[in-house]
């Protein structure tokens, strides 16, 4: 019995020990399960966070995809614009506006140039250029080469400037240009990698400026000469003004004398005339017009019109007398009759003196015409009276005392 109890106790102790082990294992398993549960909860939270992040990433991907599509569209647009700008650039650079463009790197080698620049280099330096050629090697004139290098270096240091310069081989062609120098920056926008030059030929403009400068110099010289002449003219003008004052005084005196002479001629019935033999023109004084029965200056007289007023029986005598005086270079004097438009007849005495040039040719005659009608009528009346007295005297036989 005791053995059985001891055995049972031992088995019981073993079971208790086993139970304690199992209980310990259960506690450990429970701890593990609790830890696993906590880890699972943490994993669930991480999974939720990851899921949220995934959804956010999906949204970002969708946004990025939209941005990518927009960027692709912008890239296509930019590519089209670049093509258009390239066409526009080529159109501008190769335009017929005489604009020369070329670009060099920091070693003065050609990066690009227009067709017109290539033609210009051929004209002024006699060379054919290619991209990559060193431009300074083609500039044969040492002064021009030094000047060009100094200008390129200024642009390579970052300067923008404009110069008017003359380049070219004297044996070929020297040409004036207006050069616009610009530095060329690299992709970073800071480092200068070359220089571009925009060139406009201004030879005609320069020639025009030189002509204008010459004209200005000539004008300045003429202006000085004009000032001197103007001073002389001012002095002469003062003398002329004094002379004019004297002439006005003389003219007043002459006008007064002319008035007196006209009045005297009217009273004396004496007119004067002048015949210009060079220009075949005749001028009469006012009194001459009145003597011939016209108003003063009623018409332009002439030698043929004068002869028409001469009595037909006296015309040949008058014309012959005048022509004979010219031939013999003597003064002319003739008495003749004239017929007025009214039919009235007058008696006049013509006198004239003719002037001759160095060749002996007559140039003009100056003469007078005196109305002697009243004297002639008085003489006729006296003659008739004397004839009457003579007739009476002859018919009376007895002597008569008067």
Protein backbone atom coordinates (compact mmCIF):
# COMPACT_ATOMS: atom_id res chain seq x y z
CA UNK A 1 0.00 0.00 0.00
CA UNK A 2 2.76 2.30 0.90
CA UNK A 3 4.49 1.49 -2.33
CA UNK A 4 1.32 2.22 -4.15
CA UNK A 5 0.94 5.54 -2.35
CA UNK A 6 4.56 6.44 -2.97
CA UNK A 7 4.15 5.49 -6.56
CA UNK A 8 0.99 7.51 -6.82
CA UNK A 9 2.63 10.45 -5.10
CA UNK A 10 5.53 10.17 -7.43
CA UNK A 11 3.23 10.00 -10.43
CA UNK A 12 1.24 12.88 -9.00
CA UNK A 13 4.39 14.91 -8.51
CA UNK A 14 5.44 14.06 -12.03
CA UNK A 15 2.03 15.14 -13.32
CA UNK A 16 2.21 18.31 -11.26
CA UNK A 17 5.68 18.95 -12.63
CA UNK A 18 4.38 18.23 -16.12
CA UNK A 19 1.40 20.46 -15.52
CA UNK A 20 3.68 23.17 -14.22
CA UNK A 21 5.80 22.75 -17.34
CA UNK A 22 2.72 22.84 -19.49
CA UNK A 23 1.45 25.82 -17.53
CA UNK A 24 4.79 27.51 -18.00
CA UNK A 25 4.70 26.64 -21.68
CA UNK A 26 1.13 27.92 -21.82
CA UNK A 27 2.18 31.18 -20.19
CA UNK A 28 5.06 31.47 -22.64
CA UNK A 29 2.73 30.59 -25.50
CA UNK A 30 0.27 33.17 -24.23
CA UNK A 31 3.07 35.71 -24.03
CA UNK A 32 4.14 34.72 -27.52
CA UNK A 33 0.57 34.95 -28.74
CA UNK A 34 0.17 38.32 -27.08
CA UNK A 35 3.41 39.49 -28.64
CA UNK A 36 2.36 37.98 -31.96
CA UNK A 37 -1.02 39.64 -31.64
CA UNK A 38 0.64 42.97 -30.90
CA UNK A 39 2.98 42.42 -33.84
CA UNK A 40 0.01 41.50 -35.97
CA UNK A 41 -1.79 44.63 -34.88
CA UNK A 42 1.34 46.64 -35.63
CA UNK A 43 1.63 44.89 -38.99
CA UNK A 44 -2.01 45.65 -39.68
CA UNK A 45 -1.37 49.31 -38.87
CA UNK A 46 1.74 49.27 -41.07
CA UNK A 47 -0.27 47.53 -43.75
CA UNK A 48 -2.97 50.16 -43.47
CA UNK A 49 -0.31 52.88 -43.61
CA UNK A 50 1.35 51.12 -46.54
CA UNK A 51 -2.02 50.79 -48.22
CA UNK A 52 -2.68 54.49 -47.69
CA UNK A 53 0.82 55.27 -48.96
CA UNK A 54 0.17 53.02 -51.94
CA UNK A 55 -3.05 54.85 -52.70
CA UNK A 56 -1.17 58.16 -52.32
CA UNK A 57 1.56 56.80 -54.56
CA UNK A 58 -1.06 55.74 -57.10
CA UNK A 59 -2.50 59.25 -57.00
CA UNK A 60 1.00 60.66 -57.40
CA UNK A 61 1.60 58.26 -60.26
CA UNK A 62 -1.63 59.35 -61.92
CA UNK A 63 -0.66 63.01 -61.36
CA UNK A 64 2.85 62.28 -62.63
CA UNK A 65 1.36 60.51 -65.61
CA UNK A 66 -0.79 63.55 -66.35
CA UNK A 67 2.24 65.80 -65.89
CA UNK A 68 4.23 63.51 -68.16
CA UNK A 69 1.53 63.71 -70.81
CA UNK A 70 1.44 67.51 -70.42
CA UNK A 71 5.24 67.59 -70.59
CA UNK A 72 5.17 65.42 -73.71
CA UNK A 73 2.62 67.80 -75.24
CA UNK A 74 4.77 70.80 -74.27
CA UNK A 75 7.81 69.02 -75.69
CA UNK A 76 5.99 68.44 -78.97
CA UNK A 77 4.88 72.09 -78.99
CA UNK A 78 8.41 73.23 -78.14
CA UNK A 79 9.79 71.02 -80.89
CA UNK A 80 7.38 72.56 -83.38
CA UNK A 81 8.25 76.04 -82.14
CA UNK A 82 11.94 75.18 -82.41
CA UNK A 83 11.45 74.04 -85.99
CA UNK A 84 9.57 77.25 -86.76
CA UNK A 85 12.17 79.38 -84.97
CA UNK A 86 14.91 77.55 -86.86
CA UNK A 87 13.16 78.27 -90.14
CA UNK A 88 12.66 81.88 -89.04
CA UNK A 89 16.33 82.14 -88.00
CA UNK A 90 17.46 80.81 -91.36
CA UNK A 91 15.05 83.14 -93.13
CA UNK A 92 16.41 86.10 -91.17
CA UNK A 93 20.05 85.13 -91.51
CA UNK A 94 19.72 84.45 -95.22
CA UNK A 95 17.40 87.41 -95.89
CA UNK A 96 18.28 89.88 -98.67
CA UNK A 97 18.62 92.72 -96.16
CA UNK A 98 22.44 92.76 -96.35
CA UNK A 99 22.75 91.51 -92.73
CA UNK A 100 25.96 89.53 -92.18
CA UNK A 101 26.07 87.15 -89.18
CA UNK A 102 28.80 84.83 -87.91
CA UNK A 103 29.73 83.14 -84.62
CA UNK A 104 33.15 82.09 -83.28
CA UNK A 105 34.26 79.97 -80.33
CA UNK A 106 36.82 81.10 -77.76
CA UNK A 107 39.64 80.09 -80.14
CA UNK A 108 38.18 82.31 -82.93
CA UNK A 109 37.00 79.27 -84.91
CA UNK A 110 33.79 79.43 -86.91
CA UNK A 111 30.73 77.93 -85.23
CA UNK A 112 28.30 79.15 -87.87
CA UNK A 113 27.90 81.90 -90.48
CA UNK A 114 25.46 83.12 -93.10
CA UNK A 115 25.88 82.75 -96.84
CA UNK A 116 26.36 86.50 -97.12
CA UNK A 117 29.31 86.36 -94.70
CA UNK A 118 30.90 83.61 -96.78
CA UNK A 119 30.46 85.77 -99.91
CA UNK A 120 31.85 88.81 -98.09
CA UNK A 121 34.99 86.96 -96.96
CA UNK A 122 35.51 85.91 -100.57
CA UNK A 123 35.11 89.49 -101.78
CA UNK A 124 37.31 91.30 -99.24
CA UNK A 125 39.91 88.62 -98.43
CA UNK A 126 39.67 86.23 -101.39
CA UNK A 127 39.13 83.12 -99.19
CA UNK A 128 36.59 80.28 -98.94
CA UNK A 129 35.66 79.63 -95.31
CA UNK A 130 34.28 76.52 -93.58
CA UNK A 131 32.87 75.83 -90.12
CA UNK A 132 35.83 75.10 -87.83
CA UNK A 133 38.24 77.41 -89.67
CA UNK A 134 40.05 80.01 -87.57
CA UNK A 135 38.84 83.38 -88.80
CA UNK A 136 41.95 85.35 -87.80
CA UNK A 137 44.03 83.18 -90.15
CA UNK A 138 42.14 84.67 -93.12
CA UNK A 139 42.62 88.34 -92.20
CA UNK A 140 45.78 89.16 -94.17
CA UNK A 141 46.17 92.78 -93.08
CA UNK A 142 48.06 92.84 -89.77
CA UNK A 143 46.31 95.98 -88.50
CA UNK A 144 42.89 94.56 -89.36
CA UNK A 145 43.78 91.22 -87.73
CA UNK A 146 44.96 92.91 -84.52
CA UNK A 147 41.85 95.09 -84.44
CA UNK A 148 39.53 92.10 -85.01
CA UNK A 149 41.21 90.04 -82.26
CA UNK A 150 40.94 92.91 -79.77
CA UNK A 151 37.21 93.24 -80.55
CA UNK A 152 36.59 89.48 -80.24
CA UNK A 153 38.43 89.47 -76.89
CA UNK A 154 36.23 92.29 -75.59
CA UNK A 155 33.11 90.28 -76.44
CA UNK A 156 34.65 87.13 -74.90
CA UNK A 157 35.05 89.14 -71.68
CA UNK A 158 31.29 89.77 -71.69
CA UNK A 159 31.01 93.16 -73.41
CA UNK A 160 28.20 94.15 -75.78
CA UNK A 161 29.27 96.94 -78.13
CA UNK A 162 28.89 98.40 -81.61
CA UNK A 163 31.70 99.74 -83.82
CA UNK A 164 31.98 101.22 -87.30
CA UNK A 165 35.04 99.72 -88.96
CA UNK A 166 36.74 99.28 -92.31
CA UNK A 167 38.08 95.87 -93.37
CA UNK A 168 39.40 94.23 -96.51
CA UNK A 169 42.41 93.60 -98.72
CA UNK A 170 43.44 96.84 -100.41
CA UNK A 171 44.15 94.86 -103.56
CA UNK A 172 40.57 93.53 -103.57
CA UNK A 173 38.05 95.67 -101.72
CA UNK A 174 37.98 97.86 -98.61
CA UNK A 175 34.50 98.08 -97.11
CA UNK A 176 32.93 99.94 -94.17
CA UNK A 177 30.81 97.93 -91.72
CA UNK A 178 28.76 98.52 -88.58
CA UNK A 179 29.64 95.56 -86.32
CA UNK A 180 27.47 94.49 -83.35
CA UNK A 181 29.53 92.30 -80.97
CA UNK A 182 27.79 89.95 -78.50
CA UNK A 183 29.15 87.30 -76.10
CA UNK A 184 27.75 83.74 -76.49
CA UNK A 185 26.96 81.92 -73.21
CA UNK A 186 27.01 78.16 -72.63
CA UNK A 187 24.13 75.97 -71.35
CA UNK A 188 24.68 77.10 -67.75
CA UNK A 189 24.04 80.70 -68.79
CA UNK A 190 27.22 81.91 -67.09
CA UNK A 191 30.27 80.65 -68.94
CA UNK A 192 31.13 82.51 -72.17
CA UNK A 193 31.93 80.02 -74.93
CA UNK A 194 32.17 82.32 -77.95
CA UNK A 195 31.17 85.53 -79.70
CA UNK A 196 28.53 86.39 -82.30
CA UNK A 197 28.79 89.36 -84.64
CA UNK A 198 25.97 91.00 -86.59
CA UNK A 199 27.32 93.11 -89.43
CA UNK A 200 25.71 95.69 -91.73
CA UNK A 201 27.63 97.14 -94.67
CA UNK A 202 27.63 100.96 -94.46
CA UNK A 203 30.03 101.86 -97.28
CA UNK A 204 27.46 104.05 -99.04
CA UNK A 205 26.54 105.69 -95.76
CA UNK A 206 30.21 106.40 -95.03
CA UNK A 207 30.77 107.75 -98.52
CA UNK A 208 27.71 109.95 -98.05
CA UNK A 209 29.04 111.12 -94.67
CA UNK A 210 32.42 111.89 -96.23
CA UNK A 211 30.72 113.84 -99.02
CA UNK A 212 28.65 115.68 -96.43
CA UNK A 213 31.75 116.45 -94.38
CA UNK A 214 33.45 117.75 -97.50
CA UNK A 215 30.36 119.80 -98.31
CA UNK A 216 30.29 121.11 -94.73
CA UNK A 217 33.95 122.11 -95.04
CA UNK A 218 33.26 123.74 -98.38
CA UNK A 219 30.19 125.40 -96.90
CA UNK A 220 32.24 126.66 -93.94
CA UNK A 221 34.84 128.07 -96.31
CA UNK A 222 32.12 129.60 -98.46
CA UNK A 223 30.43 130.95 -95.35
CA UNK A 224 33.65 132.68 -94.31
CA UNK A 225 34.03 134.01 -97.83
CA UNK A 226 30.39 135.02 -97.78
CA UNK A 227 30.86 136.88 -94.50
CA UNK A 228 33.79 138.80 -95.97
CA UNK A 229 31.80 139.50 -99.10
CA UNK A 230 28.80 140.38 -96.97
CA UNK A 231 30.89 142.92 -95.10
CA UNK A 232 32.02 144.34 -98.43
CA UNK A 233 28.41 144.27 -99.66
CA UNK A 234 27.27 146.04 -96.51
CA UNK A 235 29.85 148.73 -97.17
CA UNK A 236 28.73 148.91 -100.79
CA UNK A 237 25.13 148.92 -99.64
CA UNK A 238 25.82 151.90 -97.43
CA UNK A 239 27.45 153.60 -100.39
CA UNK A 240 24.47 152.61 -102.57
CA UNK A 241 22.05 153.98 -100.00
CA UNK A 242 23.95 157.24 -100.01
CA UNK A 243 23.97 157.14 -103.81
CA UNK A 244 20.24 156.33 -103.83
CA UNK A 245 19.57 159.33 -101.65
CA UNK A 246 21.58 161.42 -104.07
CA UNK A 247 19.74 159.82 -107.00
CA UNK A 248 16.38 160.50 -105.39
CA UNK A 249 17.40 164.12 -105.03
CA UNK A 250 18.63 164.18 -108.63
CA UNK A 251 15.49 162.35 -109.81
CA UNK A 252 13.33 164.90 -108.06
CA UNK A 253 15.30 167.61 -109.78
CA UNK A 254 15.06 165.76 -113.10
CA UNK A 255 11.34 165.19 -112.61
CA UNK A 256 10.93 168.86 -111.93
CA UNK A 257 12.99 169.70 -114.99
CA UNK A 258 11.03 167.10 -117.01
CA UNK A 259 7.83 168.69 -115.84
CA UNK A 260 9.14 172.12 -116.83
CA UNK A 261 10.44 170.71 -120.13
CA UNK A 262 7.10 169.03 -120.85
CA UNK A 263 5.27 172.22 -120.08
CA UNK A 264 7.73 174.20 -122.19
CA UNK A 265 7.36 171.72 -125.08
CA UNK A 266 3.60 171.98 -124.78
CA UNK A 267 3.79 175.75 -124.87
CA UNK A 268 6.32 175.73 -127.71
CA UNK A 269 4.52 172.83 -129.43
CA UNK A 270 7.84 171.03 -129.54
CA UNK A 271 8.03 167.25 -129.10
CA UNK A 272 10.93 164.85 -129.09
CA UNK A 273 11.43 161.25 -130.15
CA UNK A 274 14.04 158.47 -130.13
CA UNK A 275 14.43 155.74 -132.74
CA UNK A 276 16.32 152.59 -131.65
CA UNK A 277 17.84 151.24 -134.86
CA UNK A 278 19.18 148.07 -133.18
CA UNK A 279 15.81 146.89 -131.82
CA UNK A 280 13.68 148.80 -134.36
CA UNK A 281 11.62 150.64 -131.76
CA UNK A 282 10.39 154.25 -131.67
CA UNK A 283 9.39 156.28 -128.61
CA UNK A 284 7.53 159.62 -128.61
CA UNK A 285 7.15 162.25 -125.94
CA UNK A 286 3.66 163.24 -124.82
CA UNK A 287 3.83 166.44 -126.88
CA UNK A 288 4.79 164.47 -130.01
CA UNK A 289 1.60 162.41 -129.59
CA UNK A 290 -0.42 165.63 -129.24
CA UNK A 291 1.19 167.17 -132.32
CA UNK A 292 0.19 164.11 -134.36
CA UNK A 293 -3.36 164.29 -133.01
CA UNK A 294 -3.21 161.46 -130.45
CA UNK A 295 -3.57 161.19 -126.73
CA UNK A 296 -0.24 160.80 -124.90
CA UNK A 297 1.00 157.17 -125.05
CA UNK A 298 -2.17 156.09 -126.88
CA UNK A 299 -0.27 153.42 -128.87
CA UNK A 300 3.23 152.11 -129.52
CA UNK A 301 4.67 154.25 -132.33
CA UNK A 302 6.91 152.93 -135.09
CA UNK A 303 8.74 154.38 -138.08
CA UNK A 304 6.19 152.94 -140.60
CA UNK A 305 3.29 154.39 -138.55
CA UNK A 306 5.10 157.72 -138.49
CA UNK A 307 5.40 157.70 -142.31
CA UNK A 308 1.67 156.95 -142.57
CA UNK A 309 0.96 160.26 -140.79
CA UNK A 310 3.25 162.17 -143.20
CA UNK A 311 1.46 163.84 -146.13
CA UNK A 312 1.63 161.50 -149.17
CA UNK A 313 3.37 164.18 -151.22
CA UNK A 314 6.07 164.58 -148.53
CA UNK A 315 6.72 160.94 -147.56
CA UNK A 316 9.50 160.23 -150.05
CA UNK A 317 11.19 163.52 -149.25
CA UNK A 318 11.11 162.77 -145.49
CA UNK A 319 12.28 159.15 -145.85
CA UNK A 320 15.05 160.06 -148.30
CA UNK A 321 16.25 162.90 -146.09
CA UNK A 322 16.53 160.59 -143.06
CA UNK A 323 18.28 157.79 -144.97
CA UNK A 324 20.67 160.29 -146.58
CA UNK A 325 21.57 161.66 -143.14
CA UNK A 326 22.41 158.10 -141.99
CA UNK A 327 24.50 157.48 -145.07
CA UNK A 328 26.41 160.76 -144.80
CA UNK A 329 26.48 160.70 -140.98
CA UNK A 330 25.02 164.20 -140.88
CA UNK A 331 22.25 165.75 -138.84
CA UNK A 332 18.77 165.51 -140.23
CA UNK A 333 16.40 168.46 -140.73
CA UNK A 334 13.28 168.57 -142.89
CA UNK A 335 10.04 170.50 -143.03
CA UNK A 336 6.95 168.56 -144.07
CA UNK A 337 3.24 168.20 -143.63
CA UNK A 338 1.35 165.63 -141.55
CA UNK A 339 -2.26 164.49 -141.73
CA UNK A 340 -4.25 163.91 -138.54
CA UNK A 341 -7.02 161.30 -138.18
CA UNK A 342 -9.54 164.14 -138.29
CA UNK A 343 -8.26 165.16 -141.73
CA UNK A 344 -6.56 168.28 -140.37
CA UNK A 345 -3.17 169.08 -141.88
CA UNK A 346 -0.22 170.42 -139.93
CA UNK A 347 3.23 171.70 -140.76
CA UNK A 348 6.19 170.45 -138.74
CA UNK A 349 9.96 170.77 -138.75
CA UNK A 350 11.89 167.57 -137.89
CA UNK A 351 15.46 167.64 -136.61
CA UNK A 352 17.58 164.74 -135.35
CA UNK A 353 21.08 163.58 -134.52
CA UNK A 354 22.18 159.95 -134.97
CA UNK A 355 24.69 158.05 -132.82
CA UNK A 356 27.05 155.39 -134.23
CA UNK A 357 29.04 152.51 -132.71
CA UNK A 358 32.76 151.81 -133.09
CA UNK A 359 32.09 149.98 -136.36
CA UNK A 360 30.41 153.04 -137.82
CA UNK A 361 26.94 151.51 -137.72
CA UNK A 362 24.05 153.76 -136.61
CA UNK A 363 22.56 152.69 -133.27
CA UNK A 364 19.88 155.26 -132.46
CA UNK A 365 18.56 158.66 -133.53
CA UNK A 366 17.30 161.39 -131.22
CA UNK A 367 15.15 164.10 -132.72
CA UNK A 368 12.60 166.85 -132.23
CA UNK A 369 9.39 167.76 -134.01
CA UNK A 370 8.20 171.38 -133.97
CA UNK A 371 4.62 172.30 -134.86
CA UNK A 372 4.92 175.38 -137.14
CA UNK A 373 1.37 175.28 -138.46
CA UNK A 374 0.39 178.68 -137.04
CA UNK A 375 3.56 180.26 -138.38
CA UNK A 376 2.94 178.71 -141.80
CA UNK A 377 -0.69 179.84 -141.82
CA UNK A 378 0.39 183.33 -140.75
CA UNK A 379 3.01 183.40 -143.47
CA UNK A 380 0.41 182.25 -146.01
CA UNK A 381 -1.98 184.96 -144.83
CA UNK A 382 0.74 187.62 -145.07
CA UNK A 383 1.73 186.37 -148.49
CA UNK A 384 -1.84 186.56 -149.71
CA UNK A 385 -2.20 190.06 -148.22
CA UNK A 386 0.99 191.19 -149.91
CA UNK A 387 -0.22 189.77 -153.19
CA UNK A 388 -3.48 191.62 -152.82
CA UNK A 389 -1.66 194.87 -152.08
CA UNK A 390 0.66 194.26 -155.02
CA UNK A 391 -2.28 193.67 -157.31
CA UNK A 392 -4.00 196.84 -156.16
CA UNK A 393 -0.79 198.79 -156.51
CA UNK A 394 -0.15 197.51 -160.00
CA UNK A 395 -3.71 198.25 -161.14
CA UNK A 396 -3.59 201.92 -160.00
CA UNK A 397 -1.95 204.37 -162.41
CA UNK A 398 -1.67 207.18 -159.94
CA UNK A 399 1.04 207.11 -157.36
CA UNK A 400 -0.03 206.10 -153.92
CA UNK A 401 1.53 207.20 -150.73
CA UNK A 402 1.22 204.93 -147.77
